[in-house]
Every structure is written in C-alpha cells, then in structure tokens.
C-alpha cells in the first residue's frame, strides 16, 4: 500500500490505491471509537426505556379496564 500525505492535515494520509483517507493518529481514532460506543449504548438505553414505558402503559390500561368492569 502506498500512502500520500494530505496537505494541511498532518494526521491524515490517502491510500493511493483505494483513495481512502486514513487517520494516522491512533489516540484520536481510539477516542472516536469510545465516544461512538458511548453514544450507541445511550441509544440502546433510550430504546429500552421507550419499550418499558409502552409496556407500563399497556399494563395501566389493562388495570383501568379491569377496574371499570
């Protein structure tokens, strides 16, 4: 693989075969991955809470209907 430095960006190189831009700053890449993982985990928690709320709403509705009979 051949890499060409990206002008004005010391931490970036371009793969001359694929044209992909690569970050050579390993610390920044790892930090990005950690932030992305935290974001994904928060989204999963929010989805779980939404599901729990819907379930609670259904239970309350059933209790109200049962109490009304």
N, C-alpha and C. Protein backbone atom coordinates (compact mmCIF):
# COMPACT_ATOMS: atom_id res chain seq x y z
N UNK A 1 0.83 -1.18 0.00
CA UNK A 1 0.00 0.00 0.00
C UNK A 1 0.88 1.24 0.00
N UNK A 2 0.46 2.20 -0.78
CA UNK A 2 1.17 3.48 -0.83
C UNK A 2 0.28 4.56 -0.24
N UNK A 3 0.89 5.41 0.56
CA UNK A 3 0.15 6.49 1.18
C UNK A 3 0.72 7.83 0.75
N UNK A 4 -0.17 8.80 0.63
CA UNK A 4 0.24 10.15 0.27
C UNK A 4 -0.30 11.08 1.35
N UNK A 5 0.54 11.96 1.89
CA UNK A 5 0.10 12.88 2.93
C UNK A 5 -0.97 13.82 2.39
N UNK A 6 -1.94 14.13 3.24
CA UNK A 6 -2.99 15.08 2.89
C UNK A 6 -2.50 16.47 3.26
N UNK A 7 -2.50 17.36 2.31
CA UNK A 7 -1.97 18.70 2.50
C UNK A 7 -2.74 19.44 3.61
N UNK A 8 -2.00 20.01 4.55
CA UNK A 8 -2.60 20.78 5.63
C UNK A 8 -3.19 19.95 6.75
N UNK A 9 -3.06 18.64 6.67
CA UNK A 9 -3.60 17.72 7.69
C UNK A 9 -2.53 16.72 8.07
N UNK A 10 -1.74 17.01 9.09
CA UNK A 10 -0.60 16.17 9.43
C UNK A 10 -0.96 14.74 9.87
N UNK A 11 -2.18 14.53 10.35
CA UNK A 11 -2.57 13.21 10.83
C UNK A 11 -3.35 12.38 9.81
N UNK A 12 -3.47 12.90 8.58
CA UNK A 12 -4.24 12.19 7.56
C UNK A 12 -3.36 11.82 6.37
N UNK A 13 -3.62 10.62 5.82
CA UNK A 13 -2.96 10.17 4.61
C UNK A 13 -4.01 9.59 3.67
N UNK A 14 -3.72 9.59 2.39
CA UNK A 14 -4.62 9.00 1.40
C UNK A 14 -3.98 7.73 0.87
N UNK A 15 -4.75 6.65 0.88
CA UNK A 15 -4.33 5.39 0.27
C UNK A 15 -4.43 5.60 -1.24
N UNK A 16 -3.31 5.53 -1.92
CA UNK A 16 -3.31 5.83 -3.36
C UNK A 16 -4.02 4.76 -4.18
N UNK A 17 -4.19 3.57 -3.65
CA UNK A 17 -4.87 2.50 -4.39
C UNK A 17 -6.39 2.63 -4.29
N UNK A 18 -6.90 2.86 -3.07
CA UNK A 18 -8.35 2.91 -2.88
C UNK A 18 -8.89 4.34 -2.84
N UNK A 19 -8.02 5.31 -2.56
CA UNK A 19 -8.47 6.69 -2.44
C UNK A 19 -8.99 7.03 -1.05
N UNK A 20 -8.96 6.06 -0.15
CA UNK A 20 -9.47 6.27 1.21
C UNK A 20 -8.57 7.21 1.99
N UNK A 21 -9.19 8.03 2.84
CA UNK A 21 -8.45 8.90 3.74
C UNK A 21 -8.33 8.16 5.07
N UNK A 22 -7.13 8.08 5.60
CA UNK A 22 -6.87 7.35 6.84
C UNK A 22 -6.29 8.28 7.88
N UNK A 23 -6.72 8.11 9.13
CA UNK A 23 -6.20 8.89 10.24
C UNK A 23 -5.03 8.11 10.84
N UNK A 24 -3.87 8.74 10.91
CA UNK A 24 -2.69 8.07 11.46
C UNK A 24 -2.52 8.35 12.95
N UNK A 25 -3.40 9.18 13.53
CA UNK A 25 -3.35 9.49 14.95
C UNK A 25 -4.15 8.43 15.70
N UNK A 26 -3.46 7.43 16.22
CA UNK A 26 -4.12 6.29 16.87
C UNK A 26 -4.94 6.71 18.08
N UNK A 27 -4.44 7.70 18.83
CA UNK A 27 -5.17 8.18 20.00
C UNK A 27 -6.51 8.79 19.63
N UNK A 28 -6.54 9.57 18.57
CA UNK A 28 -7.78 10.20 18.11
C UNK A 28 -8.77 9.15 17.61
N UNK A 29 -8.26 8.14 16.95
CA UNK A 29 -9.13 7.07 16.45
C UNK A 29 -9.74 6.31 17.61
N UNK A 30 -8.95 5.99 18.61
CA UNK A 30 -9.45 5.28 19.79
C UNK A 30 -10.47 6.13 20.55
N UNK A 31 -10.20 7.42 20.68
CA UNK A 31 -11.13 8.32 21.35
C UNK A 31 -12.46 8.36 20.60
N UNK A 32 -12.41 8.42 19.28
CA UNK A 32 -13.62 8.42 18.47
C UNK A 32 -14.42 7.13 18.70
N UNK A 33 -13.74 6.02 18.73
CA UNK A 33 -14.42 4.73 18.94
C UNK A 33 -15.10 4.68 20.29
N UNK A 34 -14.44 5.22 21.32
CA UNK A 34 -15.03 5.23 22.66
C UNK A 34 -16.27 6.13 22.70
N UNK A 35 -16.19 7.28 22.05
CA UNK A 35 -17.34 8.19 22.01
C UNK A 35 -18.50 7.54 21.26
N UNK A 36 -18.19 6.90 20.14
CA UNK A 36 -19.23 6.23 19.35
C UNK A 36 -19.89 5.10 20.16
N UNK A 37 -19.09 4.34 20.90
CA UNK A 37 -19.62 3.26 21.72
C UNK A 37 -20.54 3.80 22.81
N UNK A 38 -20.13 4.90 23.46
CA UNK A 38 -20.98 5.51 24.49
C UNK A 38 -22.30 5.98 23.88
N UNK A 39 -22.21 6.57 22.71
CA UNK A 39 -23.41 7.06 22.02
C UNK A 39 -24.34 5.89 21.68
N UNK A 40 -23.78 4.81 21.18
CA UNK A 40 -24.57 3.63 20.85
C UNK A 40 -25.24 3.06 22.10
N UNK A 41 -24.50 3.01 23.20
CA UNK A 41 -25.06 2.50 24.46
C UNK A 41 -26.20 3.37 24.95
N UNK A 42 -26.05 4.69 24.84
CA UNK A 42 -27.13 5.59 25.25
C UNK A 42 -28.37 5.36 24.40
N UNK A 43 -28.17 5.19 23.10
CA UNK A 43 -29.31 4.93 22.21
C UNK A 43 -30.02 3.64 22.59
N UNK A 44 -29.26 2.61 22.93
CA UNK A 44 -29.86 1.34 23.34
C UNK A 44 -30.64 1.51 24.63
N UNK A 45 -30.10 2.29 25.57
CA UNK A 45 -30.80 2.54 26.83
C UNK A 45 -32.11 3.29 26.58
N UNK A 46 -32.07 4.28 25.71
CA UNK A 46 -33.28 5.05 25.39
C UNK A 46 -34.32 4.15 24.75
N UNK A 47 -33.91 3.30 23.83
CA UNK A 47 -34.86 2.37 23.19
C UNK A 47 -35.46 1.43 24.22
N UNK A 48 -34.66 0.95 25.17
CA UNK A 48 -35.16 0.05 26.20
C UNK A 48 -36.16 0.78 27.10
N UNK A 49 -35.86 2.03 27.45
CA UNK A 49 -36.77 2.80 28.29
C UNK A 49 -38.08 3.06 27.56
N UNK A 50 -38.03 3.34 26.27
CA UNK A 50 -39.25 3.55 25.49
C UNK A 50 -40.09 2.28 25.48
N UNK A 51 -39.43 1.15 25.33
CA UNK A 51 -40.13 -0.13 25.35
C UNK A 51 -40.77 -0.37 26.72
N UNK A 52 -40.02 -0.07 27.77
CA UNK A 52 -40.54 -0.24 29.14
C UNK A 52 -41.75 0.66 29.38
N UNK A 53 -41.70 1.90 28.89
CA UNK A 53 -42.81 2.83 29.06
C UNK A 53 -44.05 2.32 28.34
N UNK A 54 -43.88 1.82 27.13
CA UNK A 54 -45.02 1.26 26.39
C UNK A 54 -45.63 0.08 27.14
N UNK A 55 -44.78 -0.76 27.70
CA UNK A 55 -45.27 -1.91 28.45
C UNK A 55 -46.04 -1.45 29.69
N UNK A 56 -45.51 -0.45 30.39
CA UNK A 56 -46.21 0.08 31.56
C UNK A 56 -47.54 0.70 31.19
N UNK A 57 -47.59 1.40 30.06
CA UNK A 57 -48.84 1.99 29.60
C UNK A 57 -49.89 0.91 29.32
N UNK A 58 -49.46 -0.20 28.73
CA UNK A 58 -50.38 -1.29 28.45
C UNK A 58 -50.89 -1.92 29.74
N UNK A 59 -50.02 -2.07 30.71
CA UNK A 59 -50.42 -2.65 32.00
C UNK A 59 -51.42 -1.74 32.69
N UNK A 60 -51.16 -0.43 32.70
CA UNK A 60 -52.07 0.53 33.32
C UNK A 60 -53.42 0.50 32.63
N UNK A 61 -53.41 0.45 31.31
CA UNK A 61 -54.66 0.40 30.55
C UNK A 61 -55.46 -0.84 30.93
N UNK A 62 -54.78 -1.98 31.04
CA UNK A 62 -55.46 -3.22 31.41
C UNK A 62 -56.04 -3.11 32.82
N UNK A 63 -55.30 -2.50 33.74
CA UNK A 63 -55.77 -2.35 35.11
C UNK A 63 -56.99 -1.43 35.18
N UNK A 64 -56.95 -0.36 34.41
CA UNK A 64 -58.07 0.57 34.39
C UNK A 64 -59.31 -0.09 33.81
N UNK A 65 -59.13 -0.84 32.73
CA UNK A 65 -60.26 -1.53 32.10
C UNK A 65 -60.82 -2.59 33.04
N UNK A 66 -59.95 -3.29 33.75
CA UNK A 66 -60.37 -4.33 34.68
C UNK A 66 -61.12 -3.74 35.85
N UNK A 67 -60.65 -2.59 36.32
CA UNK A 67 -61.28 -1.91 37.46
C UNK A 67 -62.64 -1.34 37.06
N UNK A 68 -62.80 -0.97 35.81
CA UNK A 68 -64.05 -0.40 35.31
C UNK A 68 -65.15 -1.44 35.11
N UNK A 69 -64.77 -2.69 35.04
CA UNK A 69 -65.77 -3.76 34.79
C UNK A 69 -66.52 -4.14 36.02
